[in-house]
Amino acid sequence: MKRILRMLLKMLARAARPHLRAIGLLQTSKVFNRSALVWNPGDEKVLVLAPHMDDEAIGCGGALARHIARGADVTVIFLTDGQQGGKLSGAAAESALGATRKHEAELALRELGVSKLMFFDAPDGALTEHAAGLAGRLREILRELRPALVYLPFFLEEHPDHRAASQLLLAAMQGTPLEFNCLGYEVWTPLFPNCFVSIDETLERKKRALEHYQSQLAEADYLHTALGLNAYRSNAFLGETCRFAEAFCALPVADYLALYRSYRLER
């Protein structure tokens, strides 16, 4: 794991150095000063991989709203069917929960300004076992959309479905010459970031989007924890006006997947 961390720091530093703007804590930490950047989302073509309905809002909802405000073309793919995690069991209850969560996702994305979404409908909680089967479908979407940026949960996330998003991307990229930047986002597990986005201007949209996920909020107060992490991430902006920020691991796809392969070999 130490070797993975050393590789991660080297890759983050190499990717970020051309864009570095040191502020706040970035001025006082030698590690951050070599490896972190402050980035303003623009009108890039964006693809988001969200294992579950609400991951996109928690991990990068503020950044997505900023992209939309600048005219970006954003597509969100929900990878699992959302049928697990409810208090009731049985096929009928699980099907109803999945339908509810899809409706909530549509409302949440509308709040962020995103109109393009897809559902891959892999079994909730079993994305690892189904990633290979979904690779061809994602490969075709990547070829068609040719995104400049792909947001996905960082592969050190604790939830197995979240880690499996990187597994799916690795399989989908086999044999393709596509190039884009990956932005690994955090949901369950704080990451070591090399990229920060201020979301003050889109915070209310992010909050309203998360509030649409009532089925998830009934299980846990993800609104509280997500915004708490965003508030903590504003530490990177000390000395400037920023109250809330999202943090990412930003790397070219080849570097991101090389790092992910090394992580898998280490396990």
Protein backbone atom coordinates (compact mmCIF):
# COMPACT_ATOMS: atom_id res chain seq x y z
CA MET A 1 0.00 0.00 0.00
CA LYS A 2 2.93 2.35 0.66
CA ARG A 3 4.14 1.79 -2.89
CA ILE A 4 0.68 2.68 -4.20
CA LEU A 5 0.69 5.89 -2.16
CA ARG A 6 4.12 6.86 -3.53
CA MET A 7 2.94 6.22 -7.09
CA LEU A 8 -0.23 8.19 -6.44
CA LEU A 9 1.69 11.22 -5.16
CA LYS A 10 4.07 11.17 -8.13
CA MET A 11 1.21 10.91 -10.63
CA LEU A 12 -0.80 13.63 -8.92
CA ALA A 13 2.18 15.96 -8.90
CA ARG A 14 2.96 15.35 -12.58
CA ALA A 15 -0.65 15.88 -13.66
CA ALA A 16 -1.19 19.00 -11.58
CA ARG A 17 2.07 20.91 -11.88
CA PRO A 18 1.29 22.69 -15.20
CA HIS A 19 -1.91 24.12 -13.68
CA LEU A 20 -0.79 24.75 -10.13
CA ARG A 21 -2.11 27.76 -8.27
CA ALA A 22 -1.06 27.57 -4.63
CA ILE A 23 -3.42 29.18 -2.13
CA GLY A 24 -4.53 28.64 1.45
CA LEU A 25 -3.27 25.35 2.83
CA LEU A 26 -1.63 24.69 -0.52
CA GLN A 27 0.85 27.42 0.40
CA THR A 28 1.87 25.80 3.67
CA SER A 29 2.04 22.09 2.81
CA LYS A 30 4.95 20.94 0.69
CA VAL A 31 3.00 17.89 -0.48
CA PHE A 32 -0.03 19.90 -1.61
CA ASN A 33 2.20 22.60 -3.05
CA ARG A 34 3.60 20.02 -5.46
CA SER A 35 0.42 18.15 -6.20
CA ALA A 36 -2.80 20.19 -5.95
CA LEU A 37 -4.64 22.59 -8.22
CA VAL A 38 -7.73 24.74 -8.04
CA TRP A 39 -9.89 24.18 -11.09
CA ASN A 40 -12.88 25.92 -12.60
CA PRO A 41 -15.21 23.52 -14.51
CA GLY A 42 -16.00 24.71 -18.01
CA ASP A 43 -17.97 23.68 -21.08
CA GLU A 44 -16.25 20.31 -21.51
CA LYS A 45 -18.11 17.21 -22.66
CA VAL A 46 -18.61 15.26 -19.44
CA LEU A 47 -19.53 11.66 -18.60
CA VAL A 48 -20.33 10.64 -15.02
CA LEU A 49 -20.26 7.05 -13.73
CA ALA A 50 -22.42 6.73 -10.62
CA PRO A 51 -22.72 3.26 -9.05
CA HIS A 52 -25.84 4.33 -7.14
CA MET A 53 -28.46 7.03 -7.42
CA ASP A 54 -27.08 9.86 -5.23
CA ASP A 55 -23.35 9.13 -5.68
CA GLU A 56 -23.17 11.73 -8.45
CA ALA A 57 -24.79 14.43 -6.30
CA ILE A 58 -22.63 13.66 -3.26
CA GLY A 59 -19.34 13.29 -5.11
CA CYS A 60 -19.49 15.92 -7.85
CA GLY A 61 -22.93 17.58 -7.83
CA GLY A 62 -21.53 21.06 -7.28
CA ALA A 63 -18.97 20.66 -10.06
CA LEU A 64 -21.61 19.31 -12.45
CA ALA A 65 -23.85 22.31 -11.82
CA ARG A 66 -20.88 24.56 -12.59
CA HIS A 67 -20.27 22.66 -15.84
CA ILE A 68 -23.92 23.07 -16.84
CA ALA A 69 -23.85 26.80 -16.06
CA ARG A 70 -21.03 27.14 -18.57
CA GLY A 71 -22.78 25.20 -21.30
CA ALA A 72 -21.24 21.76 -20.86
CA ASP A 73 -22.75 18.58 -22.31
CA VAL A 74 -23.17 16.26 -19.30
CA THR A 75 -24.33 12.63 -19.32
CA VAL A 76 -24.78 10.56 -16.15
CA ILE A 77 -24.82 6.75 -16.16
CA PHE A 78 -26.24 5.01 -13.10
CA LEU A 79 -24.60 1.60 -12.96
CA THR A 80 -26.85 -0.35 -10.55
CA ASP A 81 -30.62 -0.76 -10.21
CA GLY A 82 -30.97 0.73 -6.69
CA GLN A 83 -33.08 -2.15 -5.41
CA GLN A 84 -31.10 -2.94 -2.26
CA GLY A 85 -30.84 -1.14 1.05
CA GLY A 86 -34.51 -0.68 1.83
CA LYS A 87 -36.20 -1.82 5.02
CA LEU A 88 -38.62 -4.12 3.18
CA SER A 89 -37.56 -7.31 1.43
CA GLY A 90 -39.07 -9.29 -1.42
CA ALA A 91 -39.12 -8.89 -5.19
CA ALA A 92 -42.06 -6.48 -5.26
CA ALA A 93 -40.60 -4.20 -2.58
CA GLU A 94 -37.17 -4.21 -4.23
CA SER A 95 -38.63 -3.40 -7.64
CA ALA A 96 -40.64 -0.54 -6.14
CA LEU A 97 -37.55 0.81 -4.38
CA GLY A 98 -35.58 0.73 -7.63
CA ALA A 99 -38.33 2.65 -9.42
CA THR A 100 -38.46 5.20 -6.61
CA ARG A 101 -34.73 5.78 -6.72
CA LYS A 102 -34.73 6.21 -10.49
CA HIS A 103 -37.46 8.85 -10.15
CA GLU A 104 -35.46 10.57 -7.42
CA ALA A 105 -32.39 10.53 -9.66
CA GLU A 106 -34.31 12.20 -12.48
CA LEU A 107 -35.48 14.94 -10.09
CA ALA A 108 -32.01 15.40 -8.62
CA LEU A 109 -30.32 15.71 -12.01
CA ARG A 110 -32.98 18.14 -13.17
CA GLU A 111 -32.09 20.25 -10.14
CA LEU A 112 -28.44 20.27 -11.25
CA GLY A 113 -29.45 21.06 -14.84
CA VAL A 114 -28.52 17.63 -16.26
CA SER A 115 -30.99 16.16 -18.75
CA LYS A 116 -29.06 13.18 -20.13
CA LEU A 117 -29.05 10.04 -18.01
CA MET A 118 -28.89 6.28 -18.50
CA PHE A 119 -29.42 3.25 -16.30
CA PHE A 120 -27.26 0.13 -16.68
CA ASP A 121 -29.33 -1.76 -14.08
CA ALA A 122 -26.63 -4.06 -12.71
CA PRO A 123 -27.76 -5.68 -9.43
CA ASP A 124 -27.27 -3.27 -6.55
CA GLY A 125 -24.36 -4.49 -4.43
CA ALA A 126 -22.99 -6.84 -7.11
CA LEU A 127 -21.42 -4.51 -9.67
CA THR A 128 -18.05 -6.26 -9.37
CA GLU A 129 -19.54 -9.49 -10.73
CA HIS A 130 -21.26 -7.70 -13.62
CA ALA A 131 -18.58 -5.18 -14.67
CA ALA A 132 -17.16 -7.37 -17.44
CA GLY A 133 -20.61 -7.85 -18.95
CA LEU A 134 -21.24 -4.10 -19.04
CA ALA A 135 -17.86 -3.18 -20.54
CA GLY A 136 -18.97 -3.40 -24.16
CA ARG A 137 -21.94 -1.14 -23.54
CA LEU A 138 -19.78 1.49 -21.84
CA ARG A 139 -17.14 1.20 -24.58
CA GLU A 140 -19.72 2.09 -27.22
CA ILE A 141 -20.94 5.06 -25.19
CA LEU A 142 -17.38 6.33 -24.75
CA ARG A 143 -16.77 6.02 -28.49
CA GLU A 144 -20.00 7.83 -29.28
CA LEU A 145 -19.72 10.62 -26.73
CA ARG A 146 -15.93 11.06 -26.77
CA PRO A 147 -15.94 12.88 -23.42
CA ALA A 148 -13.16 15.16 -22.32
CA LEU A 149 -13.80 14.29 -18.67
CA VAL A 150 -15.07 11.18 -16.91
CA TYR A 151 -16.10 11.48 -13.26
CA LEU A 152 -16.19 8.23 -11.26
CA PRO A 153 -15.75 7.17 -7.63
CA PHE A 154 -12.07 6.95 -6.76
CA PHE A 155 -10.95 3.32 -6.60
CA LEU A 156 -9.99 3.48 -2.91
CA GLU A 157 -13.64 3.98 -1.93
CA GLU A 158 -14.79 1.55 0.77
CA HIS A 159 -17.96 0.46 -1.02
CA PRO A 160 -17.28 -2.43 -3.46
CA ASP A 161 -19.70 -1.06 -6.06
CA HIS A 162 -17.77 2.20 -6.02
CA ARG A 163 -14.45 0.44 -6.59
CA ALA A 164 -16.06 -1.61 -9.36
CA ALA A 165 -16.69 1.54 -11.41
CA SER A 166 -12.94 1.71 -12.07
CA GLN A 167 -12.94 -2.01 -12.89
CA LEU A 168 -15.68 -1.35 -15.44
CA LEU A 169 -13.81 1.57 -16.98
CA LEU A 170 -10.62 -0.51 -17.24
CA ALA A 171 -12.48 -3.25 -19.10
CA ALA A 172 -14.28 -0.76 -21.35
CA MET A 173 -11.03 0.93 -22.39
CA GLN A 174 -9.44 -2.29 -23.64
CA GLY A 175 -8.46 -1.87 -27.29
CA THR A 176 -9.57 1.75 -27.59
CA PRO A 177 -7.38 4.77 -28.40
CA LEU A 178 -9.64 7.16 -26.47
CA GLU A 179 -8.04 9.85 -24.33
CA PHE A 180 -9.73 11.87 -21.60
CA ASN A 181 -9.14 12.96 -18.02
CA CYS A 182 -10.54 11.00 -15.09
CA LEU A 183 -11.75 12.79 -11.98
CA GLY A 184 -12.06 10.37 -9.09
CA TYR A 185 -14.59 11.67 -6.58
CA GLU A 186 -15.20 10.85 -2.91
CA VAL A 187 -18.46 9.53 -1.43
CA TRP A 188 -17.77 7.16 1.47
CA THR A 189 -14.01 7.57 1.73
CA PRO A 190 -12.01 10.82 1.79
CA LEU A 191 -9.27 10.69 -0.84
CA PHE A 192 -5.87 12.36 -1.23
CA PRO A 193 -6.84 15.04 -3.76
CA ASN A 194 -4.86 16.89 -6.38
CA CYS A 195 -7.82 18.98 -7.55
CA PHE A 196 -10.28 21.24 -5.72
CA VAL A 197 -13.44 22.91 -7.04
CA SER A 198 -15.18 25.68 -5.15
CA ILE A 199 -18.93 24.97 -5.11
CA ASP A 200 -20.15 28.04 -3.23
CA GLU A 201 -22.05 29.27 -6.29
CA THR A 202 -23.79 25.90 -6.80
CA LEU A 203 -24.13 24.73 -3.18
CA GLU A 204 -27.88 25.35 -3.00
CA ARG A 205 -28.44 23.37 -6.17
CA LYS A 206 -26.41 20.49 -4.75
CA LYS A 207 -28.42 20.60 -1.51
CA ARG A 208 -31.73 20.59 -3.39
CA ALA A 209 -30.53 17.72 -5.57
CA LEU A 210 -29.58 15.65 -2.53
CA GLU A 211 -32.90 16.43 -0.85
CA HIS A 212 -34.69 14.64 -3.69
CA TYR A 213 -33.10 11.36 -2.57
CA GLN A 214 -35.59 10.83 0.22
CA SER A 215 -35.36 7.03 0.10
CA GLN A 216 -31.63 7.23 0.86
CA LEU A 217 -31.97 10.04 3.40
CA ALA A 218 -34.44 7.86 5.29
CA GLU A 219 -31.57 5.40 5.85
CA ALA A 220 -28.85 7.92 6.79
CA ASP A 221 -28.31 11.68 6.74
CA TYR A 222 -26.09 11.80 3.68
CA LEU A 223 -26.90 15.48 3.24
CA HIS A 224 -25.23 16.27 6.56
CA THR A 225 -22.15 14.14 5.93
CA ALA A 226 -21.67 15.22 2.30
CA LEU A 227 -21.87 18.92 3.05
CA GLY A 228 -19.67 18.42 6.10
CA LEU A 229 -16.95 16.97 3.89
CA ASN A 230 -17.43 19.81 1.40
CA ALA A 231 -17.06 22.32 4.22
CA TYR A 232 -13.82 20.64 5.35
CA ARG A 233 -12.46 20.69 1.80
CA SER A 234 -12.73 24.49 1.79
CA ASN A 235 -9.59 24.40 3.97
CA ALA A 236 -7.66 24.28 0.71
CA PHE A 237 -8.88 27.82 -0.02
CA LEU A 238 -7.86 29.52 3.24
CA GLY A 239 -7.09 33.12 2.44
CA GLU A 240 -9.77 33.26 -0.25
CA THR A 241 -13.54 33.30 -0.07
CA CYS A 242 -14.70 29.69 -0.21
CA ARG A 243 -17.00 27.92 2.20
CA PHE A 244 -17.57 24.64 0.39
CA ALA A 245 -15.50 22.66 -2.09
CA GLU A 246 -15.36 19.27 -3.79
CA ALA A 247 -12.10 17.34 -4.03
CA PHE A 248 -10.92 15.00 -6.77
CA CYS A 249 -8.06 12.86 -7.96
CA ALA A 250 -7.56 14.19 -11.50
CA LEU A 251 -5.41 12.14 -13.89
CA PRO A 252 -5.27 11.28 -17.59
CA VAL A 253 -7.13 8.02 -18.11
CA ALA A 254 -3.95 6.07 -18.91
CA ASP A 255 -2.34 7.16 -15.62
CA TYR A 256 -5.52 6.58 -13.63
CA LEU A 257 -5.92 3.05 -14.95
CA ALA A 258 -2.21 2.27 -14.48
CA LEU A 259 -2.53 3.29 -10.85
CA TYR A 260 -5.68 1.19 -10.49
CA ARG A 261 -3.91 -1.85 -11.97
CA SER A 262 -1.10 -1.44 -9.47
CA TYR A 263 -3.60 -1.22 -6.64
CA ARG A 264 -5.26 -4.46 -7.77
CA LEU A 265 -1.90 -6.24 -7.91
CA GLU A 266 -1.06 -5.06 -4.41
CA ARG A 267 -4.26 -6.47 -2.89
